[in-house]
Amino acid sequence: MSKPERRTFLLEFEKPLHELESRIQQIRELAEVNNVDISEQISQLEARSAQLRQEIFSALTPAQRLQLARHPRRPSTLDYIQAISDEWLSYMAIASAVTIRR
């Protein structure tokens, strides 16, 4: 079974980085299928990816920073709470339970 495709939402300035990372992943898969060792080339591409990420995100305009802050895939507080806690009950649920018992 293959992994389910995760739909990505990309901002314009993120697209070159995403394309490079997709190519790196394709090259990895091809190398694995063909039993070829191209780890040095992949390391160079990963270094280029890190450099491109640094260039893109260090030169964002205020409007681009705002887009990033409002990104639909940005984690919310609830995402963080669920990541650090196995059992979590919202305060509203507790307050509702107390109100019903009275």
C-alpha atoms as a PDB file:
ATOM      1  CA  MET A   1       0.000   0.000   0.000  1.00  0.00           C
ATOM      2  CA  SER A   2       1.252   3.452  -0.799  1.00  0.00           C
ATOM      3  CA  LYS A   3       1.044   6.386   1.544  1.00  0.00           C
ATOM      4  CA  PRO A   4      -1.988   8.620   1.069  1.00  0.00           C
ATOM      5  CA  GLU A   5      -1.148  11.772  -0.831  1.00  0.00           C
ATOM      6  CA  ARG A   6      -1.135  14.760   1.452  1.00  0.00           C
ATOM      7  CA  ARG A   7      -2.489  17.795  -0.265  1.00  0.00           C
ATOM      8  CA  THR A   8      -0.043  20.640  -0.008  1.00  0.00           C
ATOM      9  CA  PHE A   9      -0.881  24.289  -0.005  1.00  0.00           C
ATOM     10  CA  LEU A  10       2.061  26.294  -1.283  1.00  0.00           C
ATOM     11  CA  LEU A  11       2.621  29.994  -1.259  1.00  0.00           C
ATOM     12  CA  GLU A  12       4.318  31.472  -4.343  1.00  0.00           C
ATOM     13  CA  PHE A  13       7.670  31.956  -2.638  1.00  0.00           C
ATOM     14  CA  GLU A  14       7.645  28.335  -1.378  1.00  0.00           C
ATOM     15  CA  LYS A  15       7.237  26.739  -4.817  1.00  0.00           C
ATOM     16  CA  PRO A  16      10.931  26.677  -5.925  1.00  0.00           C
ATOM     17  CA  LEU A  17      11.901  25.001  -2.664  1.00  0.00           C
ATOM     18  CA  HIS A  18       9.074  22.463  -2.940  1.00  0.00           C
ATOM     19  CA  GLU A  19      10.059  21.631  -6.521  1.00  0.00           C
ATOM     20  CA  LEU A  20      13.692  21.054  -5.520  1.00  0.00           C
ATOM     21  CA  GLU A  21      12.703  18.849  -2.592  1.00  0.00           C
ATOM     22  CA  SER A  22      10.346  16.861  -4.847  1.00  0.00           C
ATOM     23  CA  ARG A  23      13.181  16.299  -7.327  1.00  0.00           C
ATOM     24  CA  ILE A  24      15.483  15.143  -4.533  1.00  0.00           C
ATOM     25  CA  GLN A  25      12.848  12.636  -3.404  1.00  0.00           C
ATOM     26  CA  GLN A  26      12.362  11.369  -6.982  1.00  0.00           C
ATOM     27  CA  ILE A  27      16.115  10.936  -7.412  1.00  0.00           C
ATOM     28  CA  ARG A  28      16.306   9.036  -4.114  1.00  0.00           C
ATOM     29  CA  GLU A  29      13.542   6.685  -5.209  1.00  0.00           C
ATOM     30  CA  LEU A  30      15.143   6.106  -8.627  1.00  0.00           C
ATOM     31  CA  ALA A  31      18.527   5.414  -7.036  1.00  0.00           C
ATOM     32  CA  GLU A  32      16.950   2.945  -4.623  1.00  0.00           C
ATOM     33  CA  VAL A  33      15.064   1.131  -7.388  1.00  0.00           C
ATOM     34  CA  ASN A  34      18.154   0.935  -9.622  1.00  0.00           C
ATOM     35  CA  ASN A  35      20.538   0.116  -6.764  1.00  0.00           C
ATOM     36  CA  VAL A  36      22.773   3.104  -7.501  1.00  0.00           C
ATOM     37  CA  ASP A  37      24.774   4.993  -4.875  1.00  0.00           C
ATOM     38  CA  ILE A  38      24.423   8.713  -5.522  1.00  0.00           C
ATOM     39  CA  SER A  39      24.581   9.833  -1.907  1.00  0.00           C
ATOM     40  CA  GLU A  40      27.180  12.500  -2.720  1.00  0.00           C
ATOM     41  CA  GLN A  41      24.943  14.125  -5.344  1.00  0.00           C
ATOM     42  CA  ILE A  42      21.949  13.920  -3.025  1.00  0.00           C
ATOM     43  CA  SER A  43      24.001  15.580  -0.275  1.00  0.00           C
ATOM     44  CA  GLN A  44      24.846  18.412  -2.667  1.00  0.00           C
ATOM     45  CA  LEU A  45      21.184  18.830  -3.610  1.00  0.00           C
ATOM     46  CA  GLU A  46      20.166  18.820   0.061  1.00  0.00           C
ATOM     47  CA  ALA A  47      22.776  21.494   0.777  1.00  0.00           C
ATOM     48  CA  ARG A  48      21.356  23.536  -2.098  1.00  0.00           C
ATOM     49  CA  SER A  49      17.870  23.020  -0.654  1.00  0.00           C
ATOM     50  CA  ALA A  50      19.000  24.284   2.769  1.00  0.00           C
ATOM     51  CA  GLN A  51      20.684  27.276   1.136  1.00  0.00           C
ATOM     52  CA  LEU A  52      17.568  28.056  -0.926  1.00  0.00           C
ATOM     53  CA  ARG A  53      15.387  27.778   2.198  1.00  0.00           C
ATOM     54  CA  GLN A  54      17.672  30.233   4.000  1.00  0.00           C
ATOM     55  CA  GLU A  55      17.621  32.654   1.042  1.00  0.00           C
ATOM     56  CA  ILE A  56      13.843  32.534   0.686  1.00  0.00           C
ATOM     57  CA  PHE A  57      12.878  32.849   4.328  1.00  0.00           C
ATOM     58  CA  SER A  58      15.487  35.453   5.245  1.00  0.00           C
ATOM     59  CA  ALA A  59      14.268  37.833   2.534  1.00  0.00           C
ATOM     60  CA  LEU A  60      10.505  37.712   3.052  1.00  0.00           C
ATOM     61  CA  THR A  61       8.559  40.916   2.594  1.00  0.00           C
ATOM     62  CA  PRO A  62       6.091  41.964   5.302  1.00  0.00           C
ATOM     63  CA  ALA A  63       3.219  40.766   3.087  1.00  0.00           C
ATOM     64  CA  GLN A  64       4.871  37.354   2.659  1.00  0.00           C
ATOM     65  CA  ARG A  65       5.414  37.087   6.416  1.00  0.00           C
ATOM     66  CA  LEU A  66       1.727  37.790   6.897  1.00  0.00           C
ATOM     67  CA  GLN A  67       0.839  35.074   4.364  1.00  0.00           C
ATOM     68  CA  LEU A  68       3.062  32.653   6.240  1.00  0.00           C
ATOM     69  CA  ALA A  69       1.509  33.581   9.599  1.00  0.00           C
ATOM     70  CA  ARG A  70      -1.968  32.950   8.157  1.00  0.00           C
ATOM     71  CA  HIS A  71      -0.970  29.779   6.296  1.00  0.00           C
ATOM     72  CA  PRO A  72      -3.844  27.268   6.319  1.00  0.00           C
ATOM     73  CA  ARG A  73      -1.473  24.411   7.233  1.00  0.00           C
ATOM     74  CA  ARG A  74       0.035  26.269  10.208  1.00  0.00           C
ATOM     75  CA  PRO A  75      -0.434  24.345  13.457  1.00  0.00           C
ATOM     76  CA  SER A  76      -3.013  25.695  15.874  1.00  0.00           C
ATOM     77  CA  THR A  77      -2.940  25.640  19.660  1.00  0.00           C
ATOM     78  CA  LEU A  78      -5.077  22.508  19.655  1.00  0.00           C
ATOM     79  CA  ASP A  79      -2.517  20.755  17.411  1.00  0.00           C
ATOM     80  CA  TYR A  80       0.225  21.497  19.953  1.00  0.00           C
ATOM     81  CA  ILE A  81      -1.928  20.372  22.887  1.00  0.00           C
ATOM     82  CA  GLN A  82      -2.764  17.088  21.167  1.00  0.00           C
ATOM     83  CA  ALA A  83       0.921  16.539  20.367  1.00  0.00           C
ATOM     84  CA  ILE A  84       2.057  16.910  23.987  1.00  0.00           C
ATOM     85  CA  SER A  85      -0.874  15.258  25.750  1.00  0.00           C
ATOM     86  CA  ASP A  86      -2.579  11.911  25.258  1.00  0.00           C
ATOM     87  CA  GLU A  87      -5.660  12.814  27.248  1.00  0.00           C
ATOM     88  CA  TRP A  88      -7.048  16.295  26.990  1.00  0.00           C
ATOM     89  CA  LEU A  89     -10.458  17.620  27.870  1.00  0.00           C
ATOM     90  CA  SER A  90     -11.464  21.146  27.027  1.00  0.00           C
ATOM     91  CA  TYR A  91     -12.479  23.499  29.817  1.00  0.00           C
ATOM     92  CA  MET A  92     -15.840  24.023  28.113  1.00  0.00           C
ATOM     93  CA  ALA A  93     -16.553  20.288  28.283  1.00  0.00           C
ATOM     94  CA  ILE A  94     -15.758  20.261  32.006  1.00  0.00           C
ATOM     95  CA  ALA A  95     -17.884  23.370  32.634  1.00  0.00           C
ATOM     96  CA  SER A  96     -20.803  21.826  30.728  1.00  0.00           C
ATOM     97  CA  ALA A  97     -20.571  18.636  32.784  1.00  0.00           C
ATOM     98  CA  VAL A  98     -20.601  20.613  36.033  1.00  0.00           C
ATOM     99  CA  THR A  99     -23.602  22.668  34.882  1.00  0.00           C
ATOM    100  CA  ILE A 100     -25.559  19.528  33.958  1.00  0.00           C
ATOM    101  CA  ARG A 101     -24.943  17.937  37.372  1.00  0.00           C
ATOM    102  CA  ARG A 102     -26.342  20.914  39.276  1.00  0.00           C
END
